Protein backbone atom coordinates (compact mmCIF):
# COMPACT_ATOMS: atom_id res chain seq x y z
CA MET A 1 -19.58 1.46 10.41
CA GLN A 2 -17.65 3.54 8.21
CA ASN A 3 -18.25 6.78 9.34
CA GLN A 4 -17.49 5.08 12.56
CA VAL A 5 -13.48 5.53 12.31
CA ASN A 6 -11.67 8.72 11.62
CA ASP A 7 -8.07 8.31 12.62
CA LEU A 8 -6.12 5.36 13.99
CA ARG A 9 -7.63 5.25 17.90
CA SER A 10 -11.42 4.70 16.36
CA ALA A 11 -9.75 2.17 13.98
CA ILE A 12 -8.20 0.16 17.00
CA GLU A 13 -11.58 0.46 19.06
CA LEU A 14 -13.39 -0.78 16.48
CA LEU A 15 -11.38 -3.65 16.12
CA LYS A 16 -11.42 -4.21 19.70
CA GLY A 17 -15.14 -4.59 19.42
CA ILE A 18 -14.74 -7.64 16.47
CA PRO A 19 -13.10 -11.09 17.60
CA GLY A 20 -9.72 -12.46 16.23
CA GLN A 21 -8.86 -8.89 14.84
CA TYR A 22 -6.90 -7.03 17.56
CA ILE A 23 -4.52 -7.97 20.37
CA GLU A 24 -2.05 -6.18 22.48
CA THR A 25 0.52 -6.98 24.52
CA ASP A 26 2.59 -5.16 27.80
CA VAL A 27 5.69 -7.24 27.51
CA GLU A 28 8.67 -5.40 26.58
CA VAL A 29 9.79 -5.84 22.71
CA ASP A 30 13.06 -4.65 21.27
CA PRO A 31 11.77 -2.03 18.33
CA ILE A 32 15.32 -3.64 16.81
CA ASP A 33 14.41 -6.68 14.29
CA GLU A 34 12.52 -8.02 17.32
CA LEU A 35 9.26 -6.27 16.92
CA SER A 36 9.10 -7.10 13.63
CA GLY A 37 9.90 -10.87 14.01
CA VAL A 38 7.26 -11.19 16.81
CA TYR A 39 4.63 -10.17 14.08
CA ARG A 40 6.07 -12.06 11.53
CA ARG A 41 4.26 -15.34 12.92
CA ILE A 42 1.06 -13.43 15.07
CA GLY A 43 0.25 -11.73 11.41
CA SER A 44 2.23 -10.14 8.79
CA GLY A 45 1.71 -13.22 6.24
CA GLY A 46 1.94 -11.68 2.74
CA THR A 47 5.38 -12.53 1.05
CA VAL A 48 7.03 -12.69 4.54
CA LYS A 49 9.54 -16.05 4.41
CA ARG A 50 7.51 -18.68 5.91
CA PRO A 51 6.60 -19.60 9.21
CA THR A 52 3.88 -16.87 8.64
CA ARG A 53 0.49 -16.31 8.82
CA LEU A 54 -2.68 -13.59 8.31
CA GLY A 55 -3.58 -12.48 12.07
CA PRO A 56 -4.95 -9.76 14.14
CA ALA A 57 -3.57 -6.32 14.34
CA MET A 58 -1.23 -5.71 17.39
CA THR A 59 0.10 -2.77 19.81
CA PHE A 60 3.21 -2.97 21.59
CA ASN A 61 2.41 -0.96 24.68
CA ALA A 62 6.16 -1.21 26.08
CA ILE A 63 9.20 -0.57 23.68
CA LYS A 64 12.96 -1.20 24.57
CA GLY A 65 14.42 2.17 24.63
CA HIS A 66 11.32 4.65 24.40
CA PRO A 67 9.82 4.54 27.70
CA GLY A 68 5.51 5.36 27.42
CA ALA A 69 5.89 4.64 23.74
CA ARG A 70 3.14 2.63 22.15
CA VAL A 71 3.53 0.98 18.58
CA HIS A 72 0.98 -0.47 15.85
CA ILE A 73 1.47 -3.07 13.19
CA GLY A 74 -0.55 -4.84 11.03
CA LEU A 75 -3.85 -2.31 10.78
CA LEU A 76 -4.25 -3.38 7.43
CA ALA A 77 -2.78 -6.99 6.86
CA SER A 78 -5.93 -8.14 6.13
CA ARG A 79 -8.39 -7.87 3.71
CA LYS A 80 -11.39 -9.31 5.93
CA ARG A 81 -10.22 -6.43 8.49
CA VAL A 82 -10.13 -3.43 5.90
CA GLY A 83 -13.57 -4.76 5.03
CA TYR A 84 -15.01 -4.25 8.81
CA LEU A 85 -12.41 -0.45 8.80
CA LEU A 86 -13.99 0.19 5.62
CA GLY A 87 -17.24 -0.55 5.89
CA CYS A 88 -17.38 -3.57 3.25
CA ASP A 89 -17.43 -6.80 1.78
CA PRO A 90 -13.77 -7.08 1.43
CA LYS A 91 -14.86 -8.55 -2.22
CA ARG A 92 -16.56 -5.54 -3.54
CA LEU A 93 -13.49 -3.15 -2.27
CA GLY A 94 -12.38 -2.60 -5.69
CA PHE A 95 -15.61 -1.27 -6.47
CA LEU A 96 -16.15 1.16 -3.49
CA LEU A 97 -12.99 2.78 -3.67
CA ASN A 98 -13.56 3.04 -8.19
CA GLU A 99 -16.58 4.55 -6.67
CA ALA A 100 -14.70 6.98 -4.56
CA VAL A 101 -12.63 7.86 -7.19
CA ASP A 102 -15.32 9.63 -9.26
CA ARG A 103 -16.56 11.42 -6.27
CA PRO A 104 -14.19 12.92 -4.57
CA VAL A 105 -14.71 15.17 -1.68
CA ALA A 106 -11.71 17.80 -1.32
CA PRO A 107 -9.62 17.95 2.11
CA VAL A 108 -10.31 21.02 4.40
CA GLU A 109 -7.52 23.13 6.25
CA VAL A 110 -9.18 23.58 10.06
CA GLY A 111 -7.26 25.71 12.54
CA ALA A 112 -4.50 25.30 15.31
CA ASP A 113 -7.52 24.38 17.82
CA LYS A 114 -8.81 21.27 16.09
CA ALA A 115 -4.87 20.38 15.44
CA LEU A 116 -4.87 17.22 17.44
CA CYS A 117 -1.08 16.04 16.08
CA GLN A 118 0.31 19.44 17.61
CA GLU A 119 -0.35 18.84 21.46
CA VAL A 120 3.41 17.98 21.37
CA VAL A 121 5.94 19.56 19.81
CA TYR A 122 9.78 19.08 19.63
CA ARG A 123 11.52 21.42 17.25
CA ALA A 124 15.16 20.99 15.85
CA GLU A 125 16.88 23.94 17.63
CA ASP A 126 15.61 22.45 20.80
CA GLU A 127 19.21 21.20 22.77
CA GLY A 128 18.91 17.19 22.97
CA PHE A 129 16.85 17.16 19.29
CA ASP A 130 16.96 13.55 17.78
CA ILE A 131 14.49 11.75 16.10
CA ARG A 132 15.83 8.62 16.72
CA THR A 133 14.79 8.97 20.33
CA ILE A 134 11.60 10.50 19.52
CA LEU A 135 10.42 7.98 17.45
CA PRO A 136 10.30 4.40 18.23
CA ALA A 137 10.59 3.63 13.71
CA PRO A 138 11.67 -0.16 13.74
CA THR A 139 13.94 -2.61 12.00
CA ASN A 140 12.63 -5.40 10.09
CA THR A 141 15.20 -7.05 9.84
CA PRO A 142 19.45 -7.26 11.15
CA ASP A 143 20.36 -6.25 7.28
CA ASP A 144 18.44 -3.08 7.56
CA ALA A 145 19.73 0.37 6.75
CA GLY A 146 18.70 1.34 10.27
CA PRO A 147 15.05 2.35 11.53
CA TYR A 148 12.45 2.94 8.60
CA LEU A 149 9.21 4.89 8.68
CA THR A 150 6.49 2.62 6.14
CA LEU A 151 3.73 4.61 7.28
CA GLY A 152 4.84 7.89 6.76
CA MET A 153 2.15 10.14 4.33
CA CYS A 154 4.24 12.44 2.14
CA TYR A 155 2.30 15.72 1.95
CA ALA A 156 3.78 18.31 -0.58
CA HIS A 157 3.63 20.59 -3.26
CA ASP A 158 4.34 21.55 -6.73
CA PRO A 159 6.61 24.68 -6.00
CA GLU A 160 5.17 26.11 -9.34
CA THR A 161 1.87 25.08 -9.99
CA GLY A 162 0.83 24.22 -6.53
CA VAL A 163 -0.67 20.95 -6.63
CA HIS A 164 -0.86 18.88 -4.17
CA ASP A 165 0.00 15.11 -3.54
CA VAL A 166 0.37 12.14 -0.51
CA THR A 167 2.34 9.05 -1.41
CA ILE A 168 3.90 6.84 0.82
CA HIS A 169 7.72 6.01 0.30
CA ARG A 170 10.73 4.49 2.15
CA MET A 171 12.51 6.75 4.92
CA CYS A 172 15.57 5.41 6.86
CA LEU A 173 16.65 7.49 10.23
CA GLU A 174 19.97 8.81 9.60
CA GLY A 175 20.73 11.31 12.08
CA PRO A 176 19.46 13.39 14.83
CA ASP A 177 17.71 15.48 12.15
CA GLU A 178 17.80 13.56 8.76
CA LEU A 179 16.05 10.86 6.83
CA SER A 180 16.51 9.58 3.87
CA ILE A 181 13.75 8.84 0.74
CA TYR A 182 13.33 6.79 -1.93
CA MET A 183 11.16 7.91 -4.65
CA VAL A 184 10.90 5.27 -7.31
CA PRO A 185 11.93 7.63 -10.15
CA GLY A 186 9.66 8.14 -12.67
CA ALA A 187 6.76 6.94 -10.52
CA ARG A 188 5.47 9.57 -7.78
CA HIS A 189 4.40 12.57 -7.78
CA ILE A 190 6.19 14.10 -5.13
CA GLY A 191 9.38 12.95 -6.85
CA HIS A 192 8.07 14.90 -9.59
CA PHE A 193 7.80 17.88 -7.19
CA TYR A 194 11.21 17.36 -5.68
CA GLU A 195 12.59 17.65 -9.10
CA VAL A 196 10.73 20.83 -10.24
CA ALA A 197 12.16 22.76 -6.37
CA GLU A 198 16.06 21.41 -6.89
CA ALA A 199 15.81 22.59 -10.17
CA ARG A 200 15.25 25.67 -9.01
CA GLY A 201 17.85 25.27 -6.36
CA GLU A 202 15.33 25.14 -3.75
CA ALA A 203 14.39 22.62 -1.18
CA LEU A 204 10.97 21.14 -0.77
CA PRO A 205 8.98 21.31 2.24
CA ILE A 206 7.44 18.31 2.74
CA SER A 207 4.75 16.76 6.11
CA ILE A 208 5.07 13.59 7.39
CA SER A 209 1.82 12.41 9.12
CA ILE A 210 2.12 9.09 10.93
CA GLY A 211 -0.71 6.91 12.41
CA VAL A 212 -3.79 7.87 10.70
CA ASP A 213 -7.00 6.88 9.36
CA PRO A 214 -7.04 3.60 7.03
CA ALA A 215 -8.92 5.28 4.39
CA ILE A 216 -5.56 7.92 4.18
CA GLU A 217 -3.22 4.89 3.86
CA VAL A 218 -5.61 2.98 1.13
CA SER A 219 -5.88 5.76 -0.74
CA THR A 220 -2.74 7.33 -1.09
CA CYS A 221 -1.79 4.45 -2.95
CA PHE A 222 -3.47 5.04 -6.17
CA GLU A 223 -1.63 5.98 -8.86
CA PRO A 224 -1.92 7.22 -12.80
CA PRO A 225 -3.23 7.55 -15.20
CA THR A 226 -6.49 6.71 -12.58
CA THR A 227 -5.24 9.87 -10.23
CA PRO A 228 -3.08 12.08 -12.62
CA LEU A 229 -1.07 15.21 -11.09
CA GLY A 230 -3.15 17.39 -9.88
CA TYR A 231 -5.24 14.85 -8.38
CA ASP A 232 -5.09 14.83 -4.32
CA GLU A 233 -5.77 11.70 -3.07
CA LEU A 234 -7.27 12.66 0.14
CA SER A 235 -9.97 13.74 -1.60
CA ILE A 236 -10.92 9.66 -2.42
CA ALA A 237 -10.70 9.02 1.64
CA GLY A 238 -13.24 12.09 1.99
CA ALA A 239 -15.48 10.20 -0.35
CA LEU A 240 -14.78 6.94 1.73
CA ARG A 241 -15.98 8.79 4.65
CA GLU A 242 -18.34 11.07 3.52
CA GLN A 243 -16.70 14.10 5.24
CA PRO A 244 -13.46 15.98 4.14
CA VAL A 245 -9.89 15.22 5.50
CA GLU A 246 -9.09 17.85 7.78
CA LEU A 247 -5.24 19.59 7.32
CA ALA A 248 -3.53 21.35 9.49
CA ARG A 249 -0.86 24.14 8.34
CA CYS A 250 2.66 22.97 9.62
CA LEU A 251 4.94 24.91 12.75
CA THR A 252 8.18 25.09 11.05
CA ILE A 253 7.60 24.47 6.69
CA ASP A 254 5.14 26.21 4.38
CA GLU A 255 2.69 22.77 3.92
CA LEU A 256 0.14 21.00 5.56
CA CYS A 257 0.15 17.94 7.66
CA ILE A 258 -3.07 15.54 8.59
CA ALA A 259 -4.10 17.61 12.03
CA ASN A 260 -5.47 13.85 13.79
CA ALA A 261 -2.49 12.37 12.71
CA GLU A 262 -0.29 10.41 15.72
CA TYR A 263 2.75 11.79 14.17
CA VAL A 264 4.00 14.35 12.03
CA ILE A 265 7.34 15.23 10.72
CA GLU A 266 7.84 18.51 9.12
CA GLY A 267 11.31 19.14 6.81
CA GLU A 268 12.77 19.87 3.73
CA ILE A 269 14.16 17.61 1.29
CA LEU A 270 17.46 19.62 0.16
CA PRO A 271 18.61 20.07 -3.44
CA GLY A 272 21.73 18.78 -4.73
CA THR A 273 22.11 16.77 -1.81
CA ARG A 274 22.86 12.89 -1.61
CA ILE A 275 24.08 10.12 0.62
CA ALA A 276 24.41 6.88 1.18
CA GLU A 277 21.05 4.74 2.29
CA ASP A 278 23.10 2.82 4.31
CA ARG A 279 25.22 5.49 5.78
CA GLU A 280 24.85 4.50 9.08
CA SER A 281 24.97 0.99 9.21
CA GLY A 282 26.88 0.31 6.37
CA THR A 283 25.26 -3.35 5.39
CA GLY A 284 24.58 -2.59 1.94
CA PHE A 285 21.26 -3.43 2.18
CA ALA A 286 18.28 -0.93 2.83
CA MET A 287 14.86 -2.98 3.68
CA PRO A 288 12.79 -5.69 3.00
CA GLU A 289 10.18 -4.56 0.06
CA PHE A 290 7.06 -5.97 -1.22
CA PRO A 291 8.58 -8.46 -3.19
CA GLY A 292 10.16 -10.37 -0.66
CA TYR A 293 13.52 -9.80 -0.87
CA THR A 294 15.89 -7.06 1.38
CA GLY A 295 16.13 -4.19 -1.61
CA PRO A 296 20.09 -3.20 -1.95
CA ALA A 297 21.09 0.42 -0.27
CA VAL A 298 20.57 3.04 -2.45
CA PRO A 299 24.36 4.74 -3.08
CA GLU A 300 22.64 7.93 -3.68
CA ILE A 301 19.48 9.07 -2.65
CA PRO A 302 18.02 12.33 -1.60
CA VAL A 303 17.64 13.86 2.53
CA ILE A 304 14.97 15.20 4.30
CA LYS A 305 16.14 17.78 7.04
CA VAL A 306 13.68 17.68 9.78
CA LYS A 307 12.86 21.05 11.18
CA ALA A 308 10.14 19.54 13.75
CA VAL A 309 7.88 16.68 15.17
CA THR A 310 4.94 16.99 16.62
CA THR A 311 2.36 14.43 18.18
CA ARG A 312 -0.68 13.82 20.11
CA ARG A 313 -0.25 13.02 23.81
CA ASN A 314 1.04 9.58 24.08
CA PRO A 315 1.04 9.33 20.52
CA ILE A 316 0.92 5.36 18.82
CA PHE A 317 3.40 5.05 16.40
CA GLN A 318 2.36 3.22 13.23
CA THR A 319 4.93 0.40 11.55
CA CYS A 320 4.08 -2.05 8.92
CA ILE A 321 6.79 -5.20 7.64
CA GLY A 322 7.85 -4.61 3.84
CA PRO A 323 6.20 -7.54 2.74
CA SER A 324 3.54 -8.14 4.91
CA GLU A 325 -0.18 -8.70 3.48
CA GLU A 326 -0.78 -4.95 5.21
CA HIS A 327 1.01 -3.86 1.36
CA THR A 328 -1.28 -6.51 -0.75
CA SER A 329 -3.61 -3.87 0.82
CA MET A 330 -2.88 -0.89 0.43
CA THR A 331 -1.61 -0.93 -3.05
CA GLY A 332 -3.80 -3.56 -4.19
CA ILE A 333 -6.94 -2.54 -3.63
CA PRO A 334 -6.40 0.72 -5.25
CA THR A 335 -5.21 -1.11 -8.18
CA GLU A 336 -8.23 -3.20 -8.42
CA ALA A 337 -10.16 -0.12 -8.47
CA SER A 338 -8.64 1.05 -11.63
CA ILE A 339 -8.64 -1.61 -13.38
CA LEU A 340 -12.08 -2.28 -12.97
CA SER A 341 -12.49 1.17 -13.80
CA MET A 342 -10.32 1.21 -17.26
CA VAL A 343 -12.35 -2.10 -18.18
CA GLU A 344 -15.70 -1.37 -17.54
CA ARG A 345 -15.41 2.06 -19.77
CA ALA A 346 -14.19 0.04 -22.94
CA MET A 347 -16.60 -3.19 -22.44
CA PRO A 348 -19.43 -2.47 -20.08
CA GLY A 349 -20.48 -5.45 -17.64
CA LYS A 350 -17.82 -7.83 -19.34
CA LEU A 351 -15.23 -7.89 -15.71
CA LYS A 352 -16.97 -9.00 -13.17
CA ASN A 353 -14.32 -8.26 -10.24
CA VAL A 354 -10.33 -8.44 -9.69
CA TYR A 355 -8.41 -9.43 -7.32
CA CYS A 356 -4.40 -8.11 -6.66
CA ALA A 357 -3.21 -11.38 -4.83
CA SER A 358 -1.03 -11.36 -2.41
CA PRO A 359 2.14 -13.19 -3.68
CA GLY A 360 2.22 -10.31 -6.13
CA GLY A 361 2.62 -7.62 -3.10
CA GLY A 362 -0.54 -6.22 -4.86
CA LYS A 363 1.71 -4.35 -7.46
CA TYR A 364 2.55 -7.56 -9.85
CA LEU A 365 0.05 -10.04 -10.19
CA ALA A 366 -4.11 -9.80 -11.20
CA VAL A 367 -6.61 -12.15 -11.12
CA LEU A 368 -9.16 -10.68 -13.77
CA GLN A 369 -12.91 -12.56 -13.49
CA PHE A 370 -14.55 -12.07 -16.96
CA CYS A 371 -17.76 -13.19 -18.25
CA LYS A 372 -18.02 -14.08 -21.93
CA SER A 373 -22.03 -13.95 -23.02
CA GLN A 374 -22.04 -14.15 -26.91
CA PRO A 375 -19.50 -15.21 -29.29
CA SER A 376 -18.12 -11.97 -30.10
CA ASP A 377 -16.73 -12.10 -26.55
CA GLU A 378 -14.31 -14.06 -27.55
CA GLY A 379 -11.04 -12.66 -27.62
CA ARG A 380 -12.22 -10.00 -25.12
CA GLN A 381 -11.11 -10.73 -22.09
CA ARG A 382 -7.40 -10.98 -23.60
CA GLN A 383 -8.19 -7.36 -24.71
CA ALA A 384 -9.52 -6.76 -20.79
CA ALA A 385 -6.19 -7.59 -19.77
CA LEU A 386 -3.98 -5.07 -22.08
CA LEU A 387 -6.20 -2.91 -20.28
CA ALA A 388 -5.42 -4.15 -16.91
CA PHE A 389 -1.47 -3.51 -17.91
CA SER A 390 -2.61 -0.06 -18.94
CA ALA A 391 -4.24 0.88 -15.90
CA PHE A 392 -1.13 -0.37 -13.66
CA SER A 393 1.84 0.12 -15.06
CA GLU A 394 3.72 -1.57 -12.73
CA LEU A 395 1.48 -4.88 -13.19
CA LYS A 396 3.68 -8.04 -14.59
CA HIS A 397 1.14 -10.94 -14.77
CA VAL A 398 -2.75 -11.04 -15.16
CA PHE A 399 -4.81 -14.19 -15.04
CA ILE A 400 -8.09 -14.83 -16.40
CA VAL A 401 -10.84 -16.75 -15.25
CA ASP A 402 -14.29 -17.25 -15.93
CA GLU A 403 -17.08 -16.27 -13.58
CA ASP A 404 -18.16 -19.60 -12.24
CA VAL A 405 -13.88 -18.93 -10.38
CA ASP A 406 -13.74 -17.38 -7.49
CA PRO A 407 -10.78 -15.23 -8.33
CA PHE A 408 -10.36 -14.75 -4.47
CA ASP A 409 -9.20 -18.37 -3.67
CA LEU A 410 -5.78 -19.07 -5.54
CA GLU A 411 -6.60 -22.31 -5.48
CA ASP A 412 -9.68 -21.74 -7.51
CA VAL A 413 -7.89 -19.88 -10.14
CA LEU A 414 -4.81 -22.59 -10.39
CA TRP A 415 -7.44 -25.23 -10.82
CA ALA A 416 -8.84 -23.42 -13.29
CA MET A 417 -5.32 -23.16 -15.19
CA ASN A 418 -5.07 -26.96 -14.23
CA THR A 419 -8.47 -27.35 -16.51
CA ARG A 420 -8.93 -24.83 -18.75
CA PHE A 421 -5.69 -23.46 -19.86
CA GLN A 422 -2.82 -24.96 -22.61
CA GLY A 423 1.08 -23.80 -22.36
CA ASP A 424 1.67 -23.22 -26.21
CA VAL A 425 -1.90 -20.86 -26.97
CA ASP A 426 -2.98 -19.16 -23.50
CA VAL A 427 0.55 -17.92 -22.66
CA VAL A 428 0.58 -14.12 -24.32
CA PRO A 429 3.90 -12.64 -23.63
CA ILE A 430 4.70 -9.05 -24.06
CA PRO A 431 8.47 -8.63 -23.74
CA GLY A 432 10.56 -5.58 -23.14
CA VAL A 433 7.79 -3.32 -20.64
CA ARG A 434 9.27 -1.04 -18.57
CA CYS A 435 7.69 -2.60 -14.39
CA HIS A 436 8.75 -2.12 -11.50
CA PRO A 437 12.73 -1.70 -10.19
CA LEU A 438 12.69 -3.76 -6.97
CA ASP A 439 11.87 -6.84 -8.88
CA PRO A 440 15.00 -8.90 -9.38
CA SER A 441 14.29 -11.11 -11.98
CA ASN A 442 13.47 -7.96 -14.02
CA ASP A 443 17.20 -7.78 -15.15
CA PRO A 444 19.37 -8.56 -18.17
CA SER A 445 20.93 -11.12 -16.39
CA MET A 446 17.61 -13.25 -16.16
CA SER A 447 16.59 -12.44 -20.20
CA PRO A 448 17.92 -11.56 -23.95
CA SER A 449 14.78 -9.40 -24.10
CA ILE A 450 15.71 -7.21 -20.92
CA ARG A 451 17.88 -4.50 -21.73
CA GLU A 452 17.83 -2.87 -19.03
CA HIS A 453 16.90 -3.16 -14.96
CA GLY A 454 13.28 -2.35 -14.30
CA ILE A 455 11.95 -3.97 -17.62
CA ALA A 456 10.19 -7.06 -17.77
CA CYS A 457 8.42 -9.43 -19.89
CA LYS A 458 4.39 -8.94 -19.06
CA THR A 459 2.36 -12.34 -19.94
CA ILE A 460 -1.33 -12.81 -20.00
CA PHE A 461 -2.67 -16.43 -18.90
CA ASP A 462 -5.76 -16.71 -20.54
CA CYS A 463 -7.32 -19.95 -18.23
CA THR A 464 -10.94 -18.97 -19.74
CA VAL A 465 -13.01 -21.83 -21.67
CA PRO A 466 -13.52 -20.49 -25.34
CA PHE A 467 -17.02 -19.29 -25.63
CA SER A 468 -18.05 -21.91 -28.64
CA GLU A 469 -16.89 -25.32 -25.28
CA LYS A 470 -18.70 -23.58 -22.63
CA HIS A 471 -20.69 -26.31 -22.61
CA ARG A 472 -18.53 -28.93 -21.74
CA PHE A 473 -16.78 -27.16 -18.80
CA VAL A 474 -20.10 -26.33 -15.91
CA ARG A 475 -18.76 -27.41 -12.75
CA ALA A 476 -20.40 -30.23 -10.94
CA ARG A 477 -23.58 -28.75 -9.68
CA PHE A 478 -24.67 -29.07 -5.90
CA LEU A 479 -27.27 -28.35 -3.65
CA ASP A 480 -27.45 -25.10 -2.11
CA VAL A 481 -28.24 -24.98 1.04
CA ASP A 482 -28.12 -23.05 4.28
CA PRO A 483 -25.59 -25.44 6.68
CA LYS A 484 -26.84 -23.60 9.79
CA HIS A 485 -29.60 -25.23 10.15
CA TRP A 486 -27.61 -28.34 10.46
CA VAL A 487 -24.47 -26.25 12.29
CA PRO A 488 -25.64 -22.68 14.09
CA GLU A 489 -22.33 -21.72 14.53
CA PHE A 490 -21.59 -21.76 10.78
CA ASP A 491 -19.78 -18.51 9.74
CA GLY A 492 -19.61 -19.38 6.36
CA GLU A 493 -15.90 -18.86 6.33
C-alpha cells in the first residue's frame, strides 16, 4: 500500500478509498481564523482546547480571497491514518521508522522535466508579486501574528561543509516578499547552517516545500542523536518508500527543493537582519504551538527574503493546527523510533513498545512498555527511561508500564499507575535539565530548581510491578474469542 503514495495528491487519493478518512467541502471558508475553527471541531484532536476530536482529513475547495485555491488539513491528524499512508500497523510505526533510519535511501536530483513543482512560476521581480495573495496560508486564531506556514519542509545546506538537512519551522508571512522564521536555539541543524552563514556575512539559501509525501513530513521530524549533523532525513523517507525522494534545482537560488511539492518558496535567510514576529499585527503572540498555548511573538527573529514561488498546476496548500494530533504524529513517531533504537542497543528485547502520547504533543511524554523476565531486570526499567531522555532531549515525562499494559491506551496506563505505583518510591525526579522553551511551566517562577526559562524537572513515573511481586498482579483472565462469530460487522475497535 505504501508504494501507491509518493506525493500529497496520491495520499489524498488513497484516503478517499478508505471509509471515514477523508472529506472535502465546496462551501467557501475564510482562511483567517475560520478554516482552523472549522477543522478544530471536525478532526484536529491533540492538545487543542476542547471540544475537539479525531476525525477525517479535509480539503477546502473554496478559499475566501484566493480564487481557485484549495487548502488541505489533517493528513496526519490520526495515528491510524498514518498507518494507512505508510502501510503499517499503527502500533508498529516506531519500529518501521527505526528500520528506515538504519537503511537510508539517499535523495536524487532530477531534471527540470520532472520538476512538477515548477509548472507555474511567480518571481519577486514580477509586478504585483505578493506571497500573501499567492499562498492561501491560514491563521489559527485571532491572536496570531499573521498567516503562517506550518508544514513547510525547509531545505538548506551548510555553506562550509555542504551537508544538507530538512526541518519544519513556523514561518509568518510578514509582507509581499518576506517571511519570519523561528528556529529553536541549538535544536535544529538549519539553525546551525544559518549561524555559519551569518558569521561569514552571507545569506543562507533556503527552499520551503509545501504539500509533499507524508513520509517526508514524518521523516523530517527526527532529531539528534538519531540523525546527527550531516544526516539528510530525506533518506529516511526514501527508505520508507523504497525509492529515493526526487529533488529539483531551484530557479532563483543555489538550492534544491522537493520536485513534486505543491508549492515551493525560494528565498534567503538574511544575515544580521531581525524583525518582530508580530510586526504586522502587534498582537504580542505568535501562533498556537504543540503544548496547547499560543506562544509569545519573538521580538527579534530572522527574516527570509523571498525570491520566487513556484507551484504545480491547481496546487493544494497544506496546513495544520499547531497543537493538533498532526503534530503528535509527526514528532512523536520519530521520537518513538529513536527511543526504541537506543534502548534496544543497551538491553535487547526488553523494551516492547513506546508511545509518545498526544497530551505531550509528541515531545513531552513517552510511555515505555518494558518486560521484566528475570530478577536481574529489576531496576533496568528505570535505566531504559534514562536512555529515553538521552534519545530525545525535549522529553519531559516518562511512564514505564509492564508488558500486560497497552501503552497506547492511556486509560490502561492510568490503571497501572493507580494499582502498581506508589508516589513516595516510584517517582524519580531529575531537576535542572534543559528541555523545551515552549513549555510555560519550564520557568523559574514555577520551581526553585529552574535557573532559567527552558530548564525543567524531568520525571520518571515507574508504574511497573517489582519482579518479585509479579505473582500478585496477574490481570483477570478472560476467554479469548473472535466476536465476529456473533457480530459479523465487528471491526475490532
